[in-house]
Amino acid sequence: TCYIVAVYLLWHSQLLKPFKLWTVFMHEFSHALAAWATCNKVKGIEVNSMEGGLTHWEGDAKRTRCSQHFVLPAGYLGSYAPPELEPFACRR
């Protein structure tokens, strides 16, 4: 029970806010990377203080229809992959 209370208090504290915002940014940036990789234009990335975000992208109607299958799920990979790859980046 102490663990659950500690996690709850830490999660809602300002201490983790920068890490949460960084995760949101990486999520949105991954959407942007997938949009660029499928030859679309990225108009902007928004990250707000309430830990939400939005990636604005557009492209040709035919291309967008196909691209959305890559762009939409890309955010989950972007939120997950960078922390998992850090140990490999720091290896000598």
C-alpha atoms as a PDB file:
ATOM      1  CA  THR A   1       0.000   0.000   0.000  1.00  0.00           C
ATOM      2  CA  CYS A   2       2.850   2.412   0.746  1.00  0.00           C
ATOM      3  CA  TYR A   3       4.208   1.770  -2.735  1.00  0.00           C
ATOM      4  CA  ILE A   4       0.878   2.604  -4.375  1.00  0.00           C
ATOM      5  CA  VAL A   5       0.543   5.809  -2.365  1.00  0.00           C
ATOM      6  CA  ALA A   6       4.140   6.816  -3.161  1.00  0.00           C
ATOM      7  CA  VAL A   7       3.656   6.193  -6.887  1.00  0.00           C
ATOM      8  CA  TYR A   8       0.386   8.130  -6.868  1.00  0.00           C
ATOM      9  CA  LEU A   9       1.933  11.120  -5.103  1.00  0.00           C
ATOM     10  CA  LEU A  10       5.020  11.098  -7.307  1.00  0.00           C
ATOM     11  CA  TRP A  11       2.967  10.777 -10.486  1.00  0.00           C
ATOM     12  CA  HIS A  12       0.889  13.833  -9.591  1.00  0.00           C
ATOM     13  CA  SER A  13       3.850  15.921  -8.430  1.00  0.00           C
ATOM     14  CA  GLN A  14       5.686  18.543 -10.480  1.00  0.00           C
ATOM     15  CA  LEU A  15       8.885  16.502 -10.216  1.00  0.00           C
ATOM     16  CA  LEU A  16       7.962  14.259 -13.148  1.00  0.00           C
ATOM     17  CA  LYS A  17       6.383  16.986 -15.308  1.00  0.00           C
ATOM     18  CA  PRO A  18       9.434  17.535 -17.590  1.00  0.00           C
ATOM     19  CA  PHE A  19       9.716  13.799 -18.233  1.00  0.00           C
ATOM     20  CA  LYS A  20       6.031  13.523 -19.064  1.00  0.00           C
ATOM     21  CA  LEU A  21       6.229  16.470 -21.465  1.00  0.00           C
ATOM     22  CA  TRP A  22       9.328  14.961 -23.104  1.00  0.00           C
ATOM     23  CA  THR A  23       7.410  11.715 -23.620  1.00  0.00           C
ATOM     24  CA  VAL A  24       4.511  13.620 -25.204  1.00  0.00           C
ATOM     25  CA  PHE A  25       6.968  15.427 -27.491  1.00  0.00           C
ATOM     26  CA  MET A  26       8.602  12.150 -28.560  1.00  0.00           C
ATOM     27  CA  HIS A  27       5.146  10.695 -29.232  1.00  0.00           C
ATOM     28  CA  GLU A  28       4.190  13.639 -31.443  1.00  0.00           C
ATOM     29  CA  PHE A  29       7.612  13.777 -33.120  1.00  0.00           C
ATOM     30  CA  SER A  30       7.214  10.123 -34.083  1.00  0.00           C
ATOM     31  CA  HIS A  31       3.958  10.976 -35.830  1.00  0.00           C
ATOM     32  CA  ALA A  32       5.875  13.702 -37.682  1.00  0.00           C
ATOM     33  CA  LEU A  33       8.686  11.319 -38.663  1.00  0.00           C
ATOM     34  CA  ALA A  34       6.177   8.832 -40.058  1.00  0.00           C
ATOM     35  CA  ALA A  35       4.430  11.616 -41.977  1.00  0.00           C
ATOM     36  CA  TRP A  36       7.739  12.749 -43.475  1.00  0.00           C
ATOM     37  CA  ALA A  37       8.716   9.155 -44.265  1.00  0.00           C
ATOM     38  CA  THR A  38       5.498   8.727 -46.247  1.00  0.00           C
ATOM     39  CA  CYS A  39       6.136  11.975 -48.196  1.00  0.00           C
ATOM     40  CA  ASN A  40       3.632  14.176 -46.388  1.00  0.00           C
ATOM     41  CA  LYS A  41       4.099  17.685 -44.989  1.00  0.00           C
ATOM     42  CA  VAL A  42       4.220  18.395 -41.288  1.00  0.00           C
ATOM     43  CA  LYS A  43       2.676  21.777 -40.486  1.00  0.00           C
ATOM     44  CA  GLY A  44       3.466  21.769 -36.773  1.00  0.00           C
ATOM     45  CA  ILE A  45       3.732  19.954 -33.482  1.00  0.00           C
ATOM     46  CA  GLU A  46       1.965  21.130 -30.333  1.00  0.00           C
ATOM     47  CA  VAL A  47       2.679  20.016 -26.769  1.00  0.00           C
ATOM     48  CA  ASN A  48       0.622  21.625 -24.036  1.00  0.00           C
ATOM     49  CA  SER A  49       1.129  21.847 -20.298  1.00  0.00           C
ATOM     50  CA  MET A  50      -1.715  19.418 -19.629  1.00  0.00           C
ATOM     51  CA  GLU A  51       0.487  16.660 -21.108  1.00  0.00           C
ATOM     52  CA  GLY A  52      -1.347  16.498 -24.404  1.00  0.00           C
ATOM     53  CA  GLY A  53      -0.129  17.034 -27.910  1.00  0.00           C
ATOM     54  CA  LEU A  54      -1.072  17.293 -31.556  1.00  0.00           C
ATOM     55  CA  THR A  55       0.828  16.865 -34.816  1.00  0.00           C
ATOM     56  CA  HIS A  56      -0.520  18.764 -37.807  1.00  0.00           C
ATOM     57  CA  TRP A  57       0.262  17.031 -41.100  1.00  0.00           C
ATOM     58  CA  GLU A  58      -1.191  16.983 -44.578  1.00  0.00           C
ATOM     59  CA  GLY A  59      -0.623  15.464 -47.970  1.00  0.00           C
ATOM     60  CA  ASP A  60      -2.248  14.358 -51.193  1.00  0.00           C
ATOM     61  CA  ALA A  61      -5.648  12.739 -50.561  1.00  0.00           C
ATOM     62  CA  LYS A  62      -4.599   9.353 -51.984  1.00  0.00           C
ATOM     63  CA  ARG A  63      -1.297   9.394 -50.121  1.00  0.00           C
ATOM     64  CA  THR A  64      -2.888  10.490 -46.847  1.00  0.00           C
ATOM     65  CA  ARG A  65      -5.341   7.619 -46.991  1.00  0.00           C
ATOM     66  CA  CYS A  66      -2.464   5.119 -47.127  1.00  0.00           C
ATOM     67  CA  SER A  67      -0.107   7.111 -44.882  1.00  0.00           C
ATOM     68  CA  GLN A  68      -2.498   7.244 -41.961  1.00  0.00           C
ATOM     69  CA  HIS A  69      -1.874   3.537 -41.395  1.00  0.00           C
ATOM     70  CA  PHE A  70       1.767   4.394 -40.634  1.00  0.00           C
ATOM     71  CA  VAL A  71       1.427   7.865 -39.104  1.00  0.00           C
ATOM     72  CA  LEU A  72      -1.288   7.156 -36.544  1.00  0.00           C
ATOM     73  CA  PRO A  73       0.360   4.185 -34.755  1.00  0.00           C
ATOM     74  CA  ALA A  74       3.856   5.722 -34.961  1.00  0.00           C
ATOM     75  CA  GLY A  75       3.321   7.759 -31.800  1.00  0.00           C
ATOM     76  CA  TYR A  76       3.186   4.678 -29.616  1.00  0.00           C
ATOM     77  CA  LEU A  77       6.513   3.469 -30.949  1.00  0.00           C
ATOM     78  CA  GLY A  78       8.037   6.896 -30.379  1.00  0.00           C
ATOM     79  CA  SER A  79       6.914   6.968 -26.771  1.00  0.00           C
ATOM     80  CA  TYR A  80       8.287   3.509 -26.168  1.00  0.00           C
ATOM     81  CA  ALA A  81      11.444   3.184 -28.272  1.00  0.00           C
ATOM     82  CA  PRO A  82      13.745   6.063 -27.149  1.00  0.00           C
ATOM     83  CA  PRO A  83      13.948   5.023 -23.470  1.00  0.00           C
ATOM     84  CA  GLU A  84      14.523   1.422 -24.539  1.00  0.00           C
ATOM     85  CA  LEU A  85      17.343   2.420 -26.899  1.00  0.00           C
ATOM     86  CA  GLU A  86      19.223   4.682 -24.474  1.00  0.00           C
ATOM     87  CA  PRO A  87      21.281   1.866 -22.896  1.00  0.00           C
ATOM     88  CA  PHE A  88      22.569   0.920 -26.338  1.00  0.00           C
ATOM     89  CA  ALA A  89      23.444   4.531 -27.159  1.00  0.00           C
ATOM     90  CA  CYS A  90      25.485   4.813 -23.953  1.00  0.00           C
ATOM     91  CA  ARG A  91      27.461   1.602 -24.450  1.00  0.00           C
ATOM     92  CA  ARG A  92      31.118   1.817 -25.354  1.00  0.00           C
END
